[in-house]
Each structure stands twice: as structure tokens, then as C-alpha cells.
Amino acid sequence: MPYCQCGEVNLYYEVQGDGVSLLLVAGLGGGTWSWYGQAPYFRERYRTIAFDNRGAGRSSMPHGPYQMKQLAEDARCLLDHLGVERTLVLGLSMGGMIAQELALLAPHRIPALFLGCTHGGGPSQIAPAQSAIEILLNNAGLDQQEIIEKNLPIFLSEACRREKPEVVAAYCAAQLAAPEQPEYAFHAQLAAISSFDASERLRKIKIPAMIVAGSEDVLIPPENAHVLAKRLPHAEVVVIPGAGHALQAECADMLNAMADRFFRQVALTAGKSSAA
């Protein structure tokens, strides 16, 4: 299995396809398996790079707390390991926060950011309802399947859970097939989210960004997308009506097409600028 040594951690990663590089950055507790709805689409169009963040999947799980910049440095280390000088980045939830830090760490290497169901941290972020936090944290005595099932209401919209059993089944199967995340590693990643604050640094990110949110997201309320966009100089916002937090599962086809269109438009615009 492919691993990259980044300081004290080994990062597990997967590379598929050819062409322009596209880095996929997963959220809390997620990893390479999170992209089951994206990998088949993007590997036909890009050289996709997915990895397990420290604290999840097959990557090392040192005791925390972790810092978001630390997770971004892991991603940069992986790019160095693979010899990738420039890459598009698609990050969801915590992965969107890592993507922001990565763009601040290595702005010359990231031509465009696609950020889903995320925020920029700091005092201006819109917090989730306390009930959603309580569901997320209440893992005591539960096995992996029970944790997945009790989390469904905070990751998938009510309409999706009611009307799309095949989406729910695929989401649960992907989560259940993943390596189990120890509770200490879960909290180490949570600490990175809790301490994350890029709000006053975001204006330094001059690259194009698309920010996508679900209107029914109870974990990262969609108002955060607008707050984030106000701080990013070249950002646009799309709120998907009726969608919950796990956009990569609930809205896979829409998300894929939207990101592909955005990345191609960025490339087209860059080409016109160079020609001028």
C-alpha cells in the first residue's frame, strides 16, 4: 500500500487517473473511502489524489490535539512526495478547512479551491445547533455501525433519508467498510476544528474559489458559506436546496459536475489571461 512519510506520521494515499492534478481532502473521520461517489467521475478527467488525514483510516494516529495547519502541512508533504507542483483542491467540511490552510501555506501551488460544507473559523462562524453537537459526540458504548446510524440525521437531510434509501445504504456501506477511528483520534481531529481560525488571513487567498453548502446542513449551517465568501476576494457561493452536510454522498452527481465545470472555467480563464 502507498504511504508517504510526513514527520512522525505515515499518510496513506491513492492516486488514480491522468492529467491535471486534483487533491481531494476529506473531513472529520473521513479519508480515501469518502470519495466513492467522486473517484469514478474525476479519475476519468484528472489525476486524482486522495489520502487519509492523520488520525483516520490507514494513516498514523498520534495522540493530539491536532492543528489545522499541521493537517495542511501533511497534505503539502504528500504533494512534495508525489512531485506535484500545482494541483486543484476539493475539500469538504474539515477538508475545506485544511484546503484553506494549504492555500495559505502554498499559494503558488493551488490554482483554484472548491470548498463544500465548511467555514473559515473564528468568531464570525455560525455554530451548529447544540443538539447536532450532542449527537456527534455521543459515541460512548457504541460500535462502528451504531455510530454511523445515529449520525445519519446530522449528515444526511431528512428528505434524503426518507426518499433515497439507496443513497443512505451506499453511504453507510462506505463508512462501515472504513477502518474504525479510535475515540482519541476523533477528538484530536475535533480539536483542530475547534481551534481553527483563518478568518483574518483569508484575504491573502487570491485564487478563484467556489463555496458550496446544503440548505439543510445542521452541522455547518449554510450561512457560513456567505461569511466565508465575504472574506475570500474571488469566491462565489452556491447553496443546494434541500441538501444536508454530506454533499459528496447526497448530491454526488451535482457536486461532481459543479466542481468539474468550475475547474474547467478556471483553466479557460487562465488560458485567456495568458494569451492576452
Protein backbone atom coordinates (compact mmCIF):
# COMPACT_ATOMS: atom_id res chain seq x y z
CA MET A 1 0.00 0.00 0.00
CA PRO A 2 1.30 3.50 -0.83
CA TYR A 3 2.44 5.61 2.12
CA CYS A 4 4.16 8.96 2.46
CA GLN A 5 6.33 9.76 5.48
CA CYS A 6 5.44 13.20 6.86
CA GLY A 7 7.39 13.85 10.01
CA GLU A 8 6.13 11.47 12.66
CA VAL A 9 3.18 10.20 10.60
CA ASN A 10 2.70 7.90 7.64
CA LEU A 11 -0.04 9.09 5.30
CA TYR A 12 -1.91 6.51 3.26
CA TYR A 13 -2.87 7.78 -0.19
CA GLU A 14 -4.36 6.70 -3.51
CA VAL A 15 -3.68 8.15 -6.98
CA GLN A 16 -5.96 7.47 -9.95
CA GLY A 17 -6.25 8.79 -13.48
CA ASP A 18 -4.12 11.14 -15.56
CA GLY A 19 -4.00 14.81 -16.42
CA VAL A 20 -4.25 17.89 -14.23
CA SER A 21 -3.84 17.02 -10.54
CA LEU A 22 -6.87 17.22 -8.24
CA LEU A 23 -6.35 16.81 -4.50
CA LEU A 24 -9.39 15.51 -2.58
CA VAL A 25 -9.35 16.42 1.12
CA ALA A 26 -11.77 14.60 3.38
CA GLY A 27 -13.47 15.78 6.54
CA LEU A 28 -13.68 14.68 10.15
CA GLY A 29 -13.13 10.93 10.42
CA GLY A 30 -13.07 10.62 6.63
CA GLY A 31 -10.45 9.50 4.15
CA THR A 32 -9.94 7.83 0.80
CA TRP A 33 -13.20 5.88 1.13
CA SER A 34 -15.19 9.11 1.45
CA TRP A 35 -14.86 9.72 -2.29
CA TYR A 36 -16.71 6.64 -3.57
CA GLY A 37 -19.12 8.97 -5.35
CA GLN A 38 -16.35 11.16 -6.82
CA ALA A 39 -13.39 8.92 -7.69
CA PRO A 40 -15.04 7.14 -10.67
CA TYR A 41 -16.01 10.51 -12.17
CA PHE A 42 -12.85 12.51 -11.56
CA ARG A 43 -10.29 9.82 -12.42
CA GLU A 44 -11.60 9.96 -16.00
CA ARG A 45 -10.81 13.68 -16.14
CA TYR A 46 -7.99 14.39 -13.67
CA ARG A 47 -5.12 12.81 -11.83
CA THR A 48 -6.96 12.42 -8.53
CA ILE A 49 -5.06 12.26 -5.25
CA ALA A 50 -6.93 11.17 -2.12
CA PHE A 51 -5.48 10.42 1.29
CA ASP A 52 -6.37 9.58 4.87
CA ASN A 53 -5.76 12.51 7.20
CA ARG A 54 -3.67 11.85 10.27
CA GLY A 55 -5.95 10.28 12.84
CA ALA A 56 -8.10 8.40 10.32
CA GLY A 57 -8.12 5.38 8.06
CA ARG A 58 -4.78 3.74 7.35
CA SER A 59 -2.70 6.79 8.26
CA SER A 60 -0.87 7.17 11.56
CA MET A 61 -2.93 8.19 14.56
CA PRO A 62 -0.68 10.05 17.01
CA HIS A 63 -2.28 11.48 20.11
CA GLY A 64 -3.45 15.05 19.71
CA PRO A 65 -4.67 17.61 19.82
CA TYR A 66 -4.03 18.30 16.14
CA GLN A 67 -3.85 21.73 14.49
CA MET A 68 -5.40 22.55 11.11
CA LYS A 69 -2.10 23.93 9.84
CA GLN A 70 -0.50 20.62 10.83
CA LEU A 71 -3.04 18.72 8.72
CA ALA A 72 -2.37 21.10 5.82
CA GLU A 73 1.37 20.54 6.17
CA ASP A 74 0.68 16.81 5.85
CA ALA A 75 -1.11 17.49 2.58
CA ARG A 76 1.76 19.64 1.32
CA CYS A 77 4.20 16.89 2.27
CA LEU A 78 2.18 14.44 0.19
CA LEU A 79 2.32 16.79 -2.81
CA ASP A 80 6.10 17.02 -2.40
CA HIS A 81 6.33 13.24 -2.17
CA LEU A 82 4.39 12.85 -5.42
CA GLY A 83 6.27 15.64 -7.18
CA VAL A 84 3.11 17.67 -7.71
CA GLU A 85 3.96 21.33 -8.26
CA ARG A 86 0.38 22.54 -8.81
CA THR A 87 -2.97 20.99 -8.00
CA LEU A 88 -6.62 21.87 -7.91
CA VAL A 89 -8.13 21.22 -4.48
CA LEU A 90 -11.56 19.99 -3.46
CA GLY A 91 -12.13 19.91 0.29
CA LEU A 92 -15.30 19.18 2.24
CA SER A 93 -16.13 20.06 5.85
CA MET A 94 -12.87 19.77 7.84
CA GLY A 95 -11.25 19.07 4.48
CA GLY A 96 -12.34 22.52 3.37
CA MET A 97 -10.57 24.00 6.38
CA ILE A 98 -7.42 22.03 5.56
CA ALA A 99 -7.71 23.30 1.97
CA GLN A 100 -7.81 26.91 3.17
CA GLU A 101 -4.69 26.40 5.26
CA LEU A 102 -2.97 24.66 2.35
CA ALA A 103 -3.74 27.60 0.07
CA LEU A 104 -2.23 29.93 2.68
CA LEU A 105 0.84 27.70 3.08
CA ALA A 106 1.50 27.23 -0.64
CA PRO A 107 -0.50 29.78 -2.66
CA HIS A 108 1.64 29.32 -5.78
CA ARG A 109 0.71 25.63 -5.92
CA ILE A 110 -3.08 25.93 -5.76
CA PRO A 111 -4.78 27.49 -8.84
CA ALA A 112 -8.33 27.03 -7.52
CA LEU A 113 -10.29 25.89 -4.46
CA PHE A 114 -13.63 24.11 -4.32
CA LEU A 115 -14.90 24.21 -0.74
CA GLY A 116 -18.00 22.38 0.45
CA CYS A 117 -19.96 22.48 3.71
CA THR A 118 -17.21 24.34 5.56
CA HIS A 119 -16.29 27.61 7.28
CA GLY A 120 -13.30 29.86 7.90
CA GLY A 121 -13.36 29.57 11.68
CA GLY A 122 -13.11 32.43 14.12
CA PRO A 123 -15.80 34.39 15.94
CA SER A 124 -17.81 35.09 12.78
CA GLN A 125 -18.63 31.44 12.08
CA ILE A 126 -22.21 30.27 12.60
CA ALA A 127 -22.25 27.46 15.14
CA PRO A 128 -24.36 24.34 14.74
CA ALA A 129 -27.32 23.63 16.98
CA GLN A 130 -26.33 22.14 20.32
CA SER A 131 -28.47 19.10 19.55
CA ALA A 132 -26.33 18.32 16.49
CA ILE A 133 -23.14 18.56 18.55
CA GLU A 134 -24.58 16.26 21.18
CA ILE A 135 -25.43 13.63 18.57
CA LEU A 136 -21.95 13.86 17.04
CA LEU A 137 -20.16 13.49 20.38
CA ASN A 138 -22.36 10.82 21.95
CA ASN A 139 -20.33 7.74 20.99
CA ALA A 140 -19.99 6.12 24.40
CA GLY A 141 -20.61 2.38 24.30
CA LEU A 142 -21.48 2.33 20.60
CA ASP A 143 -19.88 0.18 17.93
CA GLN A 144 -18.98 1.49 14.47
CA GLN A 145 -22.32 0.61 12.87
CA GLU A 146 -24.27 2.19 15.73
CA ILE A 147 -22.22 5.38 15.46
CA ILE A 148 -22.87 5.58 11.71
CA GLU A 149 -26.60 5.07 12.17
CA LYS A 150 -27.05 7.59 15.00
CA ASN A 151 -25.10 10.18 12.94
CA LEU A 152 -27.32 9.89 9.86
CA PRO A 153 -29.66 12.76 10.87
CA ILE A 154 -26.74 15.19 11.11
CA PHE A 155 -25.03 14.14 7.88
CA LEU A 156 -27.93 13.46 5.51
CA SER A 157 -31.04 15.56 5.10
CA GLU A 158 -34.42 14.29 6.24
CA ALA A 159 -35.63 14.15 2.64
CA CYS A 160 -32.64 12.07 1.59
CA ARG A 161 -33.13 9.64 4.46
CA ARG A 162 -36.81 9.31 3.62
CA GLU A 163 -36.76 9.26 -0.18
CA LYS A 164 -33.36 7.89 -1.21
CA PRO A 165 -32.69 4.60 0.60
CA GLU A 166 -30.07 3.66 -1.98
CA VAL A 167 -28.03 6.79 -1.14
CA VAL A 168 -28.30 6.06 2.58
CA ALA A 169 -27.29 2.42 2.05
CA ALA A 170 -24.25 3.35 -0.05
CA TYR A 171 -23.17 5.98 2.48
CA CYS A 172 -23.47 3.54 5.39
CA ALA A 173 -21.65 0.79 3.49
CA ALA A 174 -18.71 3.08 2.69
CA GLN A 175 -18.43 4.23 6.29
CA LEU A 176 -18.72 0.71 7.67
CA ALA A 177 -16.03 -0.61 5.31
CA ALA A 178 -13.55 2.03 6.50
CA PRO A 179 -11.03 1.36 9.27
CA GLU A 180 -12.54 2.26 12.63
CA GLN A 181 -11.37 5.57 14.09
CA PRO A 182 -10.32 5.41 17.75
CA GLU A 183 -12.11 7.84 20.04
CA TYR A 184 -8.89 9.65 20.95
CA ALA A 185 -8.11 10.29 17.26
CA PHE A 186 -11.66 11.53 16.66
CA HIS A 187 -11.21 14.07 19.45
CA ALA A 188 -7.73 15.00 18.20
CA GLN A 189 -9.27 15.96 14.84
CA LEU A 190 -12.14 17.73 16.59
CA ALA A 191 -9.56 19.83 18.44
CA ALA A 192 -8.17 21.00 15.08
CA ILE A 193 -11.65 22.14 14.06
CA SER A 194 -12.29 23.85 17.39
CA SER A 195 -9.06 25.87 17.27
CA PHE A 196 -9.22 26.66 13.53
CA ASP A 197 -9.37 30.34 12.63
CA ALA A 198 -8.35 31.52 9.18
CA SER A 199 -10.89 34.35 9.15
CA GLU A 200 -8.40 37.22 9.29
CA ARG A 201 -5.99 35.58 6.84
CA LEU A 202 -8.41 34.60 4.09
CA ARG A 203 -7.97 37.84 2.15
CA LYS A 204 -4.47 36.63 1.31
CA ILE A 205 -6.02 33.86 -0.81
CA LYS A 206 -6.23 35.49 -4.24
CA ILE A 207 -7.18 32.40 -6.25
CA PRO A 208 -10.69 31.60 -7.52
CA ALA A 209 -12.86 29.71 -5.04
CA MET A 210 -16.28 28.13 -5.20
CA ILE A 211 -18.11 27.57 -1.92
CA VAL A 212 -21.00 25.12 -1.83
CA ALA A 213 -23.38 24.41 1.05
CA GLY A 214 -26.54 22.45 1.67
CA SER A 215 -29.55 24.45 2.79
CA GLU A 216 -30.40 21.79 5.40
CA ASP A 217 -26.89 21.33 6.80
CA VAL A 218 -27.22 21.17 10.59
CA LEU A 219 -23.51 20.62 11.30
CA ILE A 220 -22.13 23.61 9.39
CA PRO A 221 -25.11 25.89 8.73
CA PRO A 222 -25.20 27.27 5.18
CA GLU A 223 -24.87 30.87 6.40
CA ASN A 224 -21.18 30.04 6.89
CA ALA A 225 -20.72 29.86 3.12
CA HIS A 226 -21.69 33.52 2.76
CA VAL A 227 -19.49 34.56 5.68
CA LEU A 228 -16.56 32.72 4.11
CA ALA A 229 -17.19 34.21 0.68
CA LYS A 230 -17.10 37.75 2.04
CA ARG A 231 -13.53 37.15 3.24
CA LEU A 232 -12.24 35.42 0.10
CA PRO A 233 -11.58 38.01 -2.63
CA HIS A 234 -12.55 35.78 -5.58
CA ALA A 235 -15.28 33.48 -4.31
CA GLU A 236 -18.75 32.52 -5.44
CA VAL A 237 -21.39 30.72 -3.40
CA VAL A 238 -23.93 28.06 -4.31
CA VAL A 239 -26.45 26.76 -1.77
CA ILE A 240 -28.08 23.48 -2.82
CA PRO A 241 -31.74 23.46 -1.78
CA GLY A 242 -32.71 20.58 0.47
CA ALA A 243 -29.21 19.14 0.86
CA GLY A 244 -27.61 18.15 4.13
CA HIS A 245 -23.97 18.06 5.23
CA ALA A 246 -22.57 15.04 3.36
CA LEU A 247 -22.77 16.62 -0.08
CA GLN A 248 -20.38 14.06 -1.57
CA ALA A 249 -22.95 11.36 -0.86
CA GLU A 250 -26.32 13.10 -1.06
CA CYS A 251 -25.54 15.24 -4.12
CA ALA A 252 -22.68 13.31 -5.73
CA ASP A 253 -23.61 13.87 -9.37
CA MET A 254 -24.40 17.55 -8.87
CA LEU A 255 -21.26 18.14 -6.82
CA ASN A 256 -19.05 16.39 -9.37
CA ALA A 257 -20.44 18.32 -12.32
CA MET A 258 -20.30 21.61 -10.44
CA ALA A 259 -16.67 21.14 -9.41
CA ASP A 260 -15.63 19.97 -12.87
CA ARG A 261 -17.32 22.94 -14.51
CA PHE A 262 -15.70 25.34 -12.06
CA PHE A 263 -12.22 23.89 -12.52
CA ARG A 264 -12.54 23.93 -16.31
CA GLN A 265 -13.73 27.52 -16.25
CA VAL A 266 -10.74 28.48 -14.12
CA ALA A 267 -8.43 26.79 -16.63
CA LEU A 268 -10.17 28.53 -19.52
CA THR A 269 -9.92 31.93 -17.84
CA ALA A 270 -6.24 31.36 -17.05
CA GLY A 271 -5.64 30.44 -20.69
CA LYS A 272 -7.27 33.62 -21.92
CA SER A 273 -5.24 35.70 -19.47
CA SER A 274 -2.01 34.11 -20.68
CA ALA A 275 -2.97 34.75 -24.31
CA ALA A 276 -3.69 38.38 -23.56
